[in-house]
Amino acid sequence: MTTVSEKANFTFSPEEVARFERDGYIGPVKVFEPEEMTRRWNTIRRQLLDRSLAIYPDSNGKANISNYDRHLDIDLLAEHIMRPEIVDRVASLIGPNLLCWRSEFFPKYQGDEGTDWHQAATFAHATGKPQIIWPSDEGRPAFIGTITVWTAFTHSTEQNGCLQLMPGTHTSMNYDESKGMDYDADAINQREKDGIKRGFFGYDYRSLQKDPNWKPDESQAYPMVLKPGEAVIFWSNTMHASLPHTGSKTDYRMGFAARYVPTQVQVYPGTENLTEYGDGINLEKYGAVLASGVDEYGHNRMARTSQRGYEFVPRQVPSHPAAG
């Protein structure tokens, strides 16, 4: 049976694309109704405990990295990354041939620090080694980043640590990811930066600044408050952060990020193992997912189905609507 979602065209209008190109992000956009999102999350959070088919079984299960790519063993997440409400919109921003190369969870609980201001172009920040590489631009390395679709699985408010973004900051990099960072688990929840408790999951993102004396202009920050089922779509090299959780114990925040690149981008080139956030994973069972269109390059390892047999059928993205 074909659902309304499968029939619909969620492609951004030319005006929305122009706004995204100006600001580096767009949102909120609706992926699910709040009630449906809550039902789905109640099921997903129980399934997360079963790591029997998780593709990174040797992870310690505690660090962020342990729940990378759970769309490859949890079918509701496999469906999520292929949703037309997401794929159509991303394709209208970077083209019809899309890979979903990573998904990850971003929880925040009472007392948790905010996340440092940061940009990610190659995702080399933890190790200094690029995790994604775009084709070179006239012989020069390209540092473009990835499209991140950050969906709120719960309410995301200023009190429980919503995302913050700085519009128009995606056109230049303030950080040098090739430096790499030193991990210190004891630093988590222990640092204040300009009066705000912030960190980067055991790292200090300030260590990557090109200018050590530069500071982000907090006055330019926009708090992205989201209802369950709403998402914000942004370039990963847009300056973004999150607020600390100052709310109640029951009002935790859960975000789920799916990351997309065109098929010409190389994912994990020459990499078999990944170490970051105090943990490590082996990429033997990893595969990027063709979310829409076709892959004419063939230079990435691919997952055609999830570990439970969910078939990833690429979306054939509708043509872009004409400007009105």
C-alpha atoms as a PDB file:
ATOM      1  CA  MET A   1       0.000   0.000   0.000  1.00  0.00           C
ATOM      2  CA  THR A   2       1.351   3.431  -0.951  1.00  0.00           C
ATOM      3  CA  THR A   3       1.196   5.965   1.862  1.00  0.00           C
ATOM      4  CA  VAL A   4       0.459   9.669   1.533  1.00  0.00           C
ATOM      5  CA  SER A   5       4.094  10.304   2.463  1.00  0.00           C
ATOM      6  CA  GLU A   6       5.337   8.162  -0.439  1.00  0.00           C
ATOM      7  CA  LYS A   7       3.097   9.991  -2.923  1.00  0.00           C
ATOM      8  CA  ALA A   8       3.898  13.497  -1.744  1.00  0.00           C
ATOM      9  CA  ASN A   9       6.597  15.807  -3.045  1.00  0.00           C
ATOM     10  CA  PHE A  10       8.550  17.383  -0.200  1.00  0.00           C
ATOM     11  CA  THR A  11      11.102  19.156  -2.392  1.00  0.00           C
ATOM     12  CA  PHE A  12      12.025  22.635  -1.195  1.00  0.00           C
ATOM     13  CA  SER A  13      10.828  25.579  -3.259  1.00  0.00           C
ATOM     14  CA  PRO A  14      13.424  27.776  -4.997  1.00  0.00           C
ATOM     15  CA  GLU A  15      12.796  30.409  -2.334  1.00  0.00           C
ATOM     16  CA  GLU A  16      13.503  27.905   0.442  1.00  0.00           C
ATOM     17  CA  VAL A  17      16.664  26.729  -1.313  1.00  0.00           C
ATOM     18  CA  ALA A  18      17.826  30.345  -1.568  1.00  0.00           C
ATOM     19  CA  ARG A  19      17.213  30.832   2.155  1.00  0.00           C
ATOM     20  CA  PHE A  20      19.197  27.692   2.939  1.00  0.00           C
ATOM     21  CA  GLU A  21      22.070  28.828   0.734  1.00  0.00           C
ATOM     22  CA  ARG A  22      22.089  32.181   2.531  1.00  0.00           C
ATOM     23  CA  ASP A  23      21.837  30.905   6.120  1.00  0.00           C
ATOM     24  CA  GLY A  24      23.383  27.421   5.947  1.00  0.00           C
ATOM     25  CA  TYR A  25      20.311  25.883   7.580  1.00  0.00           C
ATOM     26  CA  ILE A  26      16.539  25.690   7.340  1.00  0.00           C
ATOM     27  CA  GLY A  27      13.973  24.653   9.901  1.00  0.00           C
ATOM     28  CA  PRO A  28      11.912  23.616  11.612  1.00  0.00           C
ATOM     29  CA  VAL A  29      10.500  21.218   9.020  1.00  0.00           C
ATOM     30  CA  LYS A  30       8.001  18.504   9.872  1.00  0.00           C
ATOM     31  CA  VAL A  31       8.991  14.860   9.445  1.00  0.00           C
ATOM     32  CA  PHE A  32       6.383  13.312  11.767  1.00  0.00           C
ATOM     33  CA  GLU A  33       3.410  14.509  13.759  1.00  0.00           C
ATOM     34  CA  PRO A  34       4.396  14.823  17.444  1.00  0.00           C
ATOM     35  CA  GLU A  35       2.190  11.921  18.540  1.00  0.00           C
ATOM     36  CA  GLU A  36       3.616   9.593  15.894  1.00  0.00           C
ATOM     37  CA  MET A  37       7.174  10.605  16.744  1.00  0.00           C
ATOM     38  CA  THR A  38       6.557   9.853  20.417  1.00  0.00           C
ATOM     39  CA  ARG A  39       5.151   6.411  19.572  1.00  0.00           C
ATOM     40  CA  ARG A  40       8.101   5.630  17.328  1.00  0.00           C
ATOM     41  CA  TRP A  41      10.650   6.793  19.885  1.00  0.00           C
ATOM     42  CA  ASN A  42       9.053   4.667  22.621  1.00  0.00           C
ATOM     43  CA  THR A  43       9.625   1.625  20.392  1.00  0.00           C
ATOM     44  CA  ILE A  44      13.109   2.636  19.225  1.00  0.00           C
ATOM     45  CA  ARG A  45      14.488   3.282  22.701  1.00  0.00           C
ATOM     46  CA  ARG A  46      13.574  -0.261  23.753  1.00  0.00           C
ATOM     47  CA  GLN A  47      15.169  -1.696  20.611  1.00  0.00           C
ATOM     48  CA  LEU A  48      18.407   0.231  21.205  1.00  0.00           C
ATOM     49  CA  LEU A  49      19.170  -2.072  24.129  1.00  0.00           C
ATOM     50  CA  ASP A  50      19.445  -5.046  21.764  1.00  0.00           C
ATOM     51  CA  ARG A  51      22.920  -4.811  20.210  1.00  0.00           C
ATOM     52  CA  SER A  52      22.928  -8.369  18.857  1.00  0.00           C
ATOM     53  CA  LEU A  53      22.847  -7.120  15.250  1.00  0.00           C
ATOM     54  CA  ALA A  54      24.501  -3.732  15.770  1.00  0.00           C
ATOM     55  CA  ILE A  55      27.356  -3.390  13.282  1.00  0.00           C
ATOM     56  CA  TYR A  56      29.767  -2.185  15.984  1.00  0.00           C
ATOM     57  CA  PRO A  57      29.335  -4.949  18.609  1.00  0.00           C
ATOM     58  CA  ASP A  58      32.765  -4.465  20.194  1.00  0.00           C
ATOM     59  CA  SER A  59      32.090  -0.888  21.251  1.00  0.00           C
ATOM     60  CA  ASN A  60      31.901  -0.260  24.989  1.00  0.00           C
ATOM     61  CA  GLY A  61      28.295   0.903  24.521  1.00  0.00           C
ATOM     62  CA  LYS A  62      28.828   4.113  26.489  1.00  0.00           C
ATOM     63  CA  ALA A  63      30.459   6.643  24.155  1.00  0.00           C
ATOM     64  CA  ASN A  64      28.630   8.481  21.347  1.00  0.00           C
ATOM     65  CA  ILE A  65      30.364   6.320  18.773  1.00  0.00           C
ATOM     66  CA  SER A  66      28.723   3.144  20.116  1.00  0.00           C
ATOM     67  CA  ASN A  67      25.358   4.161  18.680  1.00  0.00           C
ATOM     68  CA  TYR A  68      26.582   5.308  15.287  1.00  0.00           C
ATOM     69  CA  ASP A  69      24.616   3.876  12.361  1.00  0.00           C
ATOM     70  CA  ARG A  70      21.860   2.104  14.261  1.00  0.00           C
ATOM     71  CA  HIS A  71      19.769   2.544  11.103  1.00  0.00           C
ATOM     72  CA  LEU A  72      21.644  -0.556   9.947  1.00  0.00           C
ATOM     73  CA  ASP A  73      20.055  -2.770  12.631  1.00  0.00           C
ATOM     74  CA  ILE A  74      16.851  -0.999  13.754  1.00  0.00           C
ATOM     75  CA  ASP A  75      14.195  -0.944  11.060  1.00  0.00           C
ATOM     76  CA  LEU A  76      12.358   2.158  12.290  1.00  0.00           C
ATOM     77  CA  LEU A  77      15.636   4.060  11.942  1.00  0.00           C
ATOM     78  CA  ALA A  78      16.279   2.458   8.542  1.00  0.00           C
ATOM     79  CA  GLU A  79      12.892   3.779   7.464  1.00  0.00           C
ATOM     80  CA  HIS A  80      13.649   7.161   9.023  1.00  0.00           C
ATOM     81  CA  ILE A  81      16.744   7.890   6.926  1.00  0.00           C
ATOM     82  CA  MET A  82      14.781   7.019   3.745  1.00  0.00           C
ATOM     83  CA  ARG A  83      11.727   9.159   4.542  1.00  0.00           C
ATOM     84  CA  PRO A  84      10.595  11.295   1.578  1.00  0.00           C
ATOM     85  CA  GLU A  85      10.085  14.169   4.034  1.00  0.00           C
ATOM     86  CA  ILE A  86      13.859  14.082   4.513  1.00  0.00           C
ATOM     87  CA  VAL A  87      15.292  12.734   1.259  1.00  0.00           C
ATOM     88  CA  ASP A  88      13.293  14.991  -1.083  1.00  0.00           C
ATOM     89  CA  ARG A  89      14.371  18.075   0.824  1.00  0.00           C
ATOM     90  CA  VAL A  90      18.035  17.125   0.995  1.00  0.00           C
ATOM     91  CA  ALA A  91      18.070  16.226  -2.709  1.00  0.00           C
ATOM     92  CA  SER A  92      16.709  19.655  -3.579  1.00  0.00           C
ATOM     93  CA  LEU A  93      19.750  21.146  -1.817  1.00  0.00           C
ATOM     94  CA  ILE A  94      22.647  18.982  -3.076  1.00  0.00           C
ATOM     95  CA  GLY A  95      21.281  16.918  -5.964  1.00  0.00           C
ATOM     96  CA  PRO A  96      19.297  13.709  -6.537  1.00  0.00           C
ATOM     97  CA  ASN A  97      22.065  11.125  -6.027  1.00  0.00           C
ATOM     98  CA  LEU A  98      22.421  10.856  -2.261  1.00  0.00           C
ATOM     99  CA  LEU A  99      24.201   8.700   0.278  1.00  0.00           C
ATOM    100  CA  CYS A 100      23.262   8.528   3.923  1.00  0.00           C
ATOM    101  CA  TRP A 101      26.701   7.862   5.359  1.00  0.00           C
ATOM    102  CA  ARG A 102      26.056   8.135   9.087  1.00  0.00           C
ATOM    103  CA  SER A 103      23.403   8.391  11.749  1.00  0.00           C
ATOM    104  CA  GLU A 104      23.887   9.095  15.443  1.00  0.00           C
ATOM    105  CA  PHE A 105      22.013   9.977  18.617  1.00  0.00           C
ATOM    106  CA  PHE A 106      22.414  13.170  20.626  1.00  0.00           C
ATOM    107  CA  PRO A 107      20.908  12.788  24.101  1.00  0.00           C
ATOM    108  CA  LYS A 108      20.995  15.457  26.766  1.00  0.00           C
ATOM    109  CA  TYR A 109      19.998  14.879  30.384  1.00  0.00           C
ATOM    110  CA  GLN A 110      19.569  17.096  33.430  1.00  0.00           C
ATOM    111  CA  GLY A 111      22.852  18.837  34.244  1.00  0.00           C
ATOM    112  CA  ASP A 112      24.572  17.942  30.966  1.00  0.00           C
ATOM    113  CA  GLU A 113      26.873  20.552  29.499  1.00  0.00           C
ATOM    114  CA  GLY A 114      26.123  22.353  26.277  1.00  0.00           C
ATOM    115  CA  THR A 115      28.069  21.402  23.175  1.00  0.00           C
ATOM    116  CA  ASP A 116      30.962  23.606  22.050  1.00  0.00           C
ATOM    117  CA  TRP A 117      30.554  25.864  19.060  1.00  0.00           C
ATOM    118  CA  HIS A 118      31.979  23.935  16.148  1.00  0.00           C
ATOM    119  CA  GLN A 119      32.082  23.334  12.404  1.00  0.00           C
ATOM    120  CA  ALA A 120      32.761  20.008  10.685  1.00  0.00           C
ATOM    121  CA  ALA A 121      33.884  19.855   7.064  1.00  0.00           C
ATOM    122  CA  THR A 122      35.777  16.548   6.859  1.00  0.00           C
ATOM    123  CA  PHE A 123      34.954  15.117  10.327  1.00  0.00           C
ATOM    124  CA  ALA A 124      38.675  14.778  10.965  1.00  0.00           C
ATOM    125  CA  HIS A 125      38.378  16.739  14.198  1.00  0.00           C
ATOM    126  CA  ALA A 126      38.978  13.836  16.605  1.00  0.00           C
ATOM    127  CA  THR A 127      41.863  12.129  14.784  1.00  0.00           C
ATOM    128  CA  GLY A 128      43.029  14.567  12.119  1.00  0.00           C
ATOM    129  CA  LYS A 129      42.094  12.040   9.386  1.00  0.00           C
ATOM    130  CA  PRO A 130      39.187  12.946   7.039  1.00  0.00           C
ATOM    131  CA  GLN A 131      36.104  10.752   7.196  1.00  0.00           C
ATOM    132  CA  ILE A 132      34.570  12.303   4.075  1.00  0.00           C
ATOM    133  CA  ILE A 133      36.381  13.743   1.053  1.00  0.00           C
ATOM    134  CA  TRP A 134      34.699  15.748  -1.686  1.00  0.00           C
ATOM    135  CA  PRO A 135      36.222  15.894  -5.180  1.00  0.00           C
ATOM    136  CA  SER A 136      38.941  18.522  -5.400  1.00  0.00           C
ATOM    137  CA  ASP A 137      38.109  21.975  -6.691  1.00  0.00           C
ATOM    138  CA  GLU A 138      40.540  22.856  -9.494  1.00  0.00           C
ATOM    139  CA  GLY A 139      43.239  20.800  -7.823  1.00  0.00           C
ATOM    140  CA  ARG A 140      42.602  22.246  -4.358  1.00  0.00           C
ATOM    141  CA  PRO A 141      41.119  20.182  -1.512  1.00  0.00           C
ATOM    142  CA  ALA A 142      37.399  20.782  -1.069  1.00  0.00           C
ATOM    143  CA  PHE A 143      36.117  21.382   2.469  1.00  0.00           C
ATOM    144  CA  ILE A 144      32.357  21.416   2.088  1.00  0.00           C
ATOM    145  CA  GLY A 145      30.918  19.191   4.819  1.00  0.00           C
ATOM    146  CA  THR A 146      27.737  17.156   4.937  1.00  0.00           C
ATOM    147  CA  ILE A 147      24.042  17.893   5.129  1.00  0.00           C
ATOM    148  CA  THR A 148      22.817  16.997   8.608  1.00  0.00           C
ATOM    149  CA  VAL A 149      19.133  16.354   9.273  1.00  0.00           C
ATOM    150  CA  TRP A 150      18.734  16.667  13.048  1.00  0.00           C
ATOM    151  CA  THR A 151      15.314  15.361  14.092  1.00  0.00           C
ATOM    152  CA  ALA A 152      13.890  15.923  17.565  1.00  0.00           C
ATOM    153  CA  PHE A 153      12.636  12.615  18.973  1.00  0.00           C
ATOM    154  CA  THR A 154      11.467  14.543  22.070  1.00  0.00           C
ATOM    155  CA  HIS A 155      10.778  18.206  22.724  1.00  0.00           C
ATOM    156  CA  SER A 156      13.954  20.251  22.243  1.00  0.00           C
ATOM    157  CA  THR A 157      13.818  23.505  24.215  1.00  0.00           C
ATOM    158  CA  GLU A 158      16.195  26.133  25.538  1.00  0.00           C
ATOM    159  CA  GLN A 159      15.828  24.562  28.989  1.00  0.00           C
ATOM    160  CA  ASN A 160      16.726  21.002  27.947  1.00  0.00           C
ATOM    161  CA  GLY A 161      19.571  21.937  25.621  1.00  0.00           C
ATOM    162  CA  CYS A 162      18.320  22.724  22.119  1.00  0.00           C
ATOM    163  CA  LEU A 163      20.629  23.290  19.171  1.00  0.00           C
ATOM    164  CA  GLN A 164      21.948  26.755  18.388  1.00  0.00           C
ATOM    165  CA  LEU A 165      23.017  27.876  14.918  1.00  0.00           C
ATOM    166  CA  MET A 166      24.704  30.989  13.542  1.00  0.00           C
ATOM    167  CA  PRO A 167      23.221  31.957  10.167  1.00  0.00           C
ATOM    168  CA  GLY A 168      25.584  32.597   7.281  1.00  0.00           C
ATOM    169  CA  THR A 169      28.660  31.041   8.911  1.00  0.00           C
ATOM    170  CA  HIS A 170      28.975  28.110   6.483  1.00  0.00           C
ATOM    171  CA  THR A 171      31.037  29.991   3.908  1.00  0.00           C
ATOM    172  CA  SER A 172      34.337  29.949   5.820  1.00  0.00           C
ATOM    173  CA  MET A 173      35.988  27.678   8.372  1.00  0.00           C
ATOM    174  CA  ASN A 174      37.102  28.986  11.761  1.00  0.00           C
ATOM    175  CA  TYR A 175      38.669  25.644  12.701  1.00  0.00           C
ATOM    176  CA  ASP A 176      41.438  23.418  11.344  1.00  0.00           C
ATOM    177  CA  GLU A 177      40.241  19.829  11.723  1.00  0.00           C
ATOM    178  CA  SER A 178      43.591  18.407  10.637  1.00  0.00           C
ATOM    179  CA  LYS A 179      45.060  19.345  14.036  1.00  0.00           C
ATOM    180  CA  GLY A 180      43.123  16.636  15.865  1.00  0.00           C
ATOM    181  CA  MET A 181      42.164  16.918  19.545  1.00  0.00           C
ATOM    182  CA  ASP A 182      43.114  15.253  22.825  1.00  0.00           C
ATOM    183  CA  TYR A 183      40.388  13.264  24.575  1.00  0.00           C
ATOM    184  CA  ASP A 184      39.872  13.734  28.321  1.00  0.00           C
ATOM    185  CA  ALA A 185      36.873  11.951  29.850  1.00  0.00           C
ATOM    186  CA  ASP A 186      37.412  13.801  33.141  1.00  0.00           C
ATOM    187  CA  ALA A 187      36.703  17.125  31.414  1.00  0.00           C
ATOM    188  CA  ILE A 188      33.083  16.224  30.608  1.00  0.00           C
ATOM    189  CA  ASN A 189      30.661  18.559  32.432  1.00  0.00           C
ATOM    190  CA  GLN A 190      33.568  20.355  34.112  1.00  0.00           C
ATOM    191  CA  ARG A 191      34.284  23.448  31.986  1.00  0.00           C
ATOM    192  CA  GLU A 192      32.655  26.831  31.620  1.00  0.00           C
ATOM    193  CA  LYS A 193      33.297  28.940  28.546  1.00  0.00           C
ATOM    194  CA  ASP A 194      32.242  32.570  28.730  1.00  0.00           C
ATOM    195  CA  GLY A 195      29.931  31.702  31.604  1.00  0.00           C
ATOM    196  CA  ILE A 196      28.242  28.738  29.875  1.00  0.00           C
ATOM    197  CA  LYS A 197      28.997  25.111  30.710  1.00  0.00           C
ATOM    198  CA  ARG A 198      30.197  23.652  27.415  1.00  0.00           C
ATOM    199  CA  GLY A 199      32.349  20.835  26.067  1.00  0.00           C
ATOM    200  CA  PHE A 200      32.621  18.434  23.156  1.00  0.00           C
ATOM    201  CA  PHE A 201      32.098  14.934  24.553  1.00  0.00           C
ATOM    202  CA  GLY A 202      35.526  14.882  26.204  1.00  0.00           C
ATOM    203  CA  TYR A 203      37.257  17.228  23.769  1.00  0.00           C
ATOM    204  CA  ASP A 204      37.746  20.991  23.717  1.00  0.00           C
ATOM    205  CA  TYR A 205      36.857  22.251  20.256  1.00  0.00           C
ATOM    206  CA  ARG A 206      38.656  25.527  20.897  1.00  0.00           C
ATOM    207  CA  SER A 207      41.927  23.652  20.354  1.00  0.00           C
ATOM    208  CA  LEU A 208      41.116  23.507  16.620  1.00  0.00           C
ATOM    209  CA  GLN A 209      40.669  27.256  16.195  1.00  0.00           C
ATOM    210  CA  LYS A 210      42.749  28.782  13.435  1.00  0.00           C
ATOM    211  CA  ASP A 211      43.023  31.940  15.538  1.00  0.00           C
ATOM    212  CA  PRO A 212      43.408  31.016  19.225  1.00  0.00           C
ATOM    213  CA  ASN A 213      42.208  34.487  20.249  1.00  0.00           C
ATOM    214  CA  TRP A 214      38.984  34.332  18.218  1.00  0.00           C
ATOM    215  CA  LYS A 215      35.636  33.828  19.980  1.00  0.00           C
ATOM    216  CA  PRO A 216      32.234  32.990  18.480  1.00  0.00           C
ATOM    217  CA  ASP A 217      29.783  35.879  18.584  1.00  0.00           C
ATOM    218  CA  GLU A 218      27.065  34.479  20.858  1.00  0.00           C
ATOM    219  CA  SER A 219      24.782  37.395  19.952  1.00  0.00           C
ATOM    220  CA  GLN A 220      24.364  35.816  16.497  1.00  0.00           C
ATOM    221  CA  ALA A 221      23.154  32.470  17.891  1.00  0.00           C
ATOM    222  CA  TYR A 222      19.645  31.272  17.022  1.00  0.00           C
ATOM    223  CA  PRO A 223      18.051  28.693  19.378  1.00  0.00           C
ATOM    224  CA  MET A 224      16.401  25.951  17.300  1.00  0.00           C
ATOM    225  CA  VAL A 225      13.411  24.971  19.435  1.00  0.00           C
ATOM    226  CA  LEU A 226      11.736  21.849  18.021  1.00  0.00           C
ATOM    227  CA  LYS A 227       8.650  19.764  18.714  1.00  0.00           C
ATOM    228  CA  PRO A 228       8.879  15.961  18.537  1.00  0.00           C
ATOM    229  CA  GLY A 229       9.015  15.010  14.855  1.00  0.00           C
ATOM    230  CA  GLU A 230      10.407  18.347  13.680  1.00  0.00           C
ATOM    231  CA  ALA A 231      13.871  18.666  12.153  1.00  0.00           C
ATOM    232  CA  VAL A 232      16.451  21.239  11.216  1.00  0.00           C
ATOM    233  CA  ILE A 233      18.541  20.707   8.086  1.00  0.00           C
ATOM    234  CA  PHE A 234      21.976  22.321   8.021  1.00  0.00           C
ATOM    235  CA  TRP A 235      25.444  22.231   6.546  1.00  0.00           C
ATOM    236  CA  SER A 236      27.788  20.680   9.090  1.00  0.00           C
ATOM    237  CA  ASN A 237      30.183  23.576   8.557  1.00  0.00           C
ATOM    238  CA  THR A 238      27.566  26.048   9.761  1.00  0.00           C
ATOM    239  CA  MET A 239      28.582  27.190  13.239  1.00  0.00           C
ATOM    240  CA  HIS A 240      26.432  25.214  15.660  1.00  0.00           C
ATOM    241  CA  ALA A 241      26.345  24.289  19.331  1.00  0.00           C
ATOM    242  CA  SER A 242      23.799  23.405  21.998  1.00  0.00           C
ATOM    243  CA  LEU A 243      22.747  24.877  25.303  1.00  0.00           C
ATOM    244  CA  PRO A 244      23.304  23.077  28.613  1.00  0.00           C
ATOM    245  CA  HIS A 245      20.396  21.157  30.129  1.00  0.00           C
ATOM    246  CA  THR A 246      19.039  23.281  32.975  1.00  0.00           C
ATOM    247  CA  GLY A 247      15.583  21.689  33.100  1.00  0.00           C
ATOM    248  CA  SER A 248      13.996  18.871  35.063  1.00  0.00           C
ATOM    249  CA  LYS A 249      15.155  15.261  35.255  1.00  0.00           C
ATOM    250  CA  THR A 250      12.144  13.976  33.321  1.00  0.00           C
ATOM    251  CA  ASP A 251      12.536  16.527  30.519  1.00  0.00           C
ATOM    252  CA  TYR A 252      15.453  14.920  28.699  1.00  0.00           C
ATOM    253  CA  ARG A 253      16.257  15.806  25.090  1.00  0.00           C
ATOM    254  CA  MET A 254      16.866  13.238  22.364  1.00  0.00           C
ATOM    255  CA  GLY A 255      17.991  14.155  18.878  1.00  0.00           C
ATOM    256  CA  PHE A 256      18.763  11.851  15.968  1.00  0.00           C
ATOM    257  CA  ALA A 257      21.055  13.077  13.197  1.00  0.00           C
ATOM    258  CA  ALA A 258      21.217  11.551   9.718  1.00  0.00           C
ATOM    259  CA  ARG A 259      24.035  12.795   7.491  1.00  0.00           C
ATOM    260  CA  TYR A 260      23.909  12.945   3.681  1.00  0.00           C
ATOM    261  CA  VAL A 261      26.409  13.617   0.887  1.00  0.00           C
ATOM    262  CA  PRO A 262      26.282  13.268  -2.910  1.00  0.00           C
ATOM    263  CA  THR A 263      27.498   9.938  -4.265  1.00  0.00           C
ATOM    264  CA  GLN A 264      30.763  11.434  -5.577  1.00  0.00           C
ATOM    265  CA  VAL A 265      31.975  11.994  -2.007  1.00  0.00           C
ATOM    266  CA  GLN A 266      34.350   9.370  -0.601  1.00  0.00           C
ATOM    267  CA  VAL A 267      33.349   8.018   2.818  1.00  0.00           C
ATOM    268  CA  TYR A 268      35.982   6.655   5.230  1.00  0.00           C
ATOM    269  CA  PRO A 269      38.652   6.524   2.504  1.00  0.00           C
ATOM    270  CA  GLY A 270      41.417   4.099   3.459  1.00  0.00           C
ATOM    271  CA  THR A 271      39.929   3.585   6.917  1.00  0.00           C
ATOM    272  CA  GLU A 272      39.169   0.229   8.538  1.00  0.00           C
ATOM    273  CA  ASN A 273      38.940   1.303  12.183  1.00  0.00           C
ATOM    274  CA  LEU A 274      37.665   4.499  13.771  1.00  0.00           C
ATOM    275  CA  THR A 275      38.704   5.738  17.214  1.00  0.00           C
ATOM    276  CA  GLU A 276      37.107   8.764  18.854  1.00  0.00           C
ATOM    277  CA  TYR A 277      35.270   9.824  22.013  1.00  0.00           C
ATOM    278  CA  GLY A 278      37.228   7.304  24.072  1.00  0.00           C
ATOM    279  CA  ASP A 279      36.029   4.295  22.084  1.00  0.00           C
ATOM    280  CA  GLY A 280      36.753   2.494  18.842  1.00  0.00           C
ATOM    281  CA  ILE A 281      34.836   0.656  16.133  1.00  0.00           C
ATOM    282  CA  ASN A 282      35.736  -1.642  13.261  1.00  0.00           C
ATOM    283  CA  LEU A 283      34.135  -0.720   9.926  1.00  0.00           C
ATOM    284  CA  GLU A 284      34.025  -4.273   8.555  1.00  0.00           C
ATOM    285  CA  LYS A 285      30.201  -4.354   8.506  1.00  0.00           C
ATOM    286  CA  TYR A 286      29.752  -0.683   7.631  1.00  0.00           C
ATOM    287  CA  GLY A 287      28.029   0.428   4.435  1.00  0.00           C
ATOM    288  CA  ALA A 288      26.704   3.753   3.188  1.00  0.00           C
ATOM    289  CA  VAL A 289      23.075   3.743   2.029  1.00  0.00           C
ATOM    290  CA  LEU A 290      21.932   4.999  -1.369  1.00  0.00           C
ATOM    291  CA  ALA A 291      18.989   7.126  -0.245  1.00  0.00           C
ATOM    292  CA  SER A 292      18.001   8.451  -3.666  1.00  0.00           C
ATOM    293  CA  GLY A 293      19.001   8.373  -7.309  1.00  0.00           C
ATOM    294  CA  VAL A 294      21.920   6.301  -8.592  1.00  0.00           C
ATOM    295  CA  ASP A 295      25.552   5.746  -7.651  1.00  0.00           C
ATOM    296  CA  GLU A 296      27.657   6.291 -10.765  1.00  0.00           C
ATOM    297  CA  TYR A 297      30.979   6.275  -8.893  1.00  0.00           C
ATOM    298  CA  GLY A 298      31.108   3.031  -6.926  1.00  0.00           C
ATOM    299  CA  HIS A 299      33.964   4.084  -4.672  1.00  0.00           C
ATOM    300  CA  ASN A 300      32.176   3.524  -1.341  1.00  0.00           C
ATOM    301  CA  ARG A 301      31.219   0.323   0.443  1.00  0.00           C
ATOM    302  CA  MET A 302      27.428   0.077   0.378  1.00  0.00           C
ATOM    303  CA  ALA A 303      24.646  -1.482   2.439  1.00  0.00           C
ATOM    304  CA  ARG A 304      21.731  -2.701   0.298  1.00  0.00           C
ATOM    305  CA  THR A 305      19.772  -4.021   3.289  1.00  0.00           C
ATOM    306  CA  SER A 306      19.867  -3.586   7.037  1.00  0.00           C
ATOM    307  CA  GLN A 307      21.162  -6.339   9.307  1.00  0.00           C
ATOM    308  CA  ARG A 308      17.530  -7.406   9.786  1.00  0.00           C
ATOM    309  CA  GLY A 309      16.770  -7.491   6.067  1.00  0.00           C
ATOM    310  CA  TYR A 310      15.134  -4.082   5.610  1.00  0.00           C
ATOM    311  CA  GLU A 311      15.684  -3.231   1.934  1.00  0.00           C
ATOM    312  CA  PHE A 312      16.996   0.241   1.192  1.00  0.00           C
ATOM    313  CA  VAL A 313      15.119   1.246  -1.971  1.00  0.00           C
ATOM    314  CA  PRO A 314      16.511   4.537  -3.329  1.00  0.00           C
ATOM    315  CA  ARG A 315      13.994   7.320  -3.647  1.00  0.00           C
ATOM    316  CA  GLN A 316      13.426   8.665  -7.153  1.00  0.00           C
ATOM    317  CA  VAL A 317      13.258  12.319  -6.265  1.00  0.00           C
ATOM    318  CA  PRO A 318      10.497  14.356  -7.950  1.00  0.00           C
ATOM    319  CA  SER A 319      11.492  17.177 -10.251  1.00  0.00           C
ATOM    320  CA  HIS A 320      12.082  20.541  -8.613  1.00  0.00           C
ATOM    321  CA  PRO A 321       9.016  22.823  -8.575  1.00  0.00           C
ATOM    322  CA  ALA A 322       9.216  25.962 -10.658  1.00  0.00           C
ATOM    323  CA  ALA A 323       9.492  29.298  -8.897  1.00  0.00           C
ATOM    324  CA  GLY A 324       6.113  30.888  -8.408  1.00  0.00           C
END
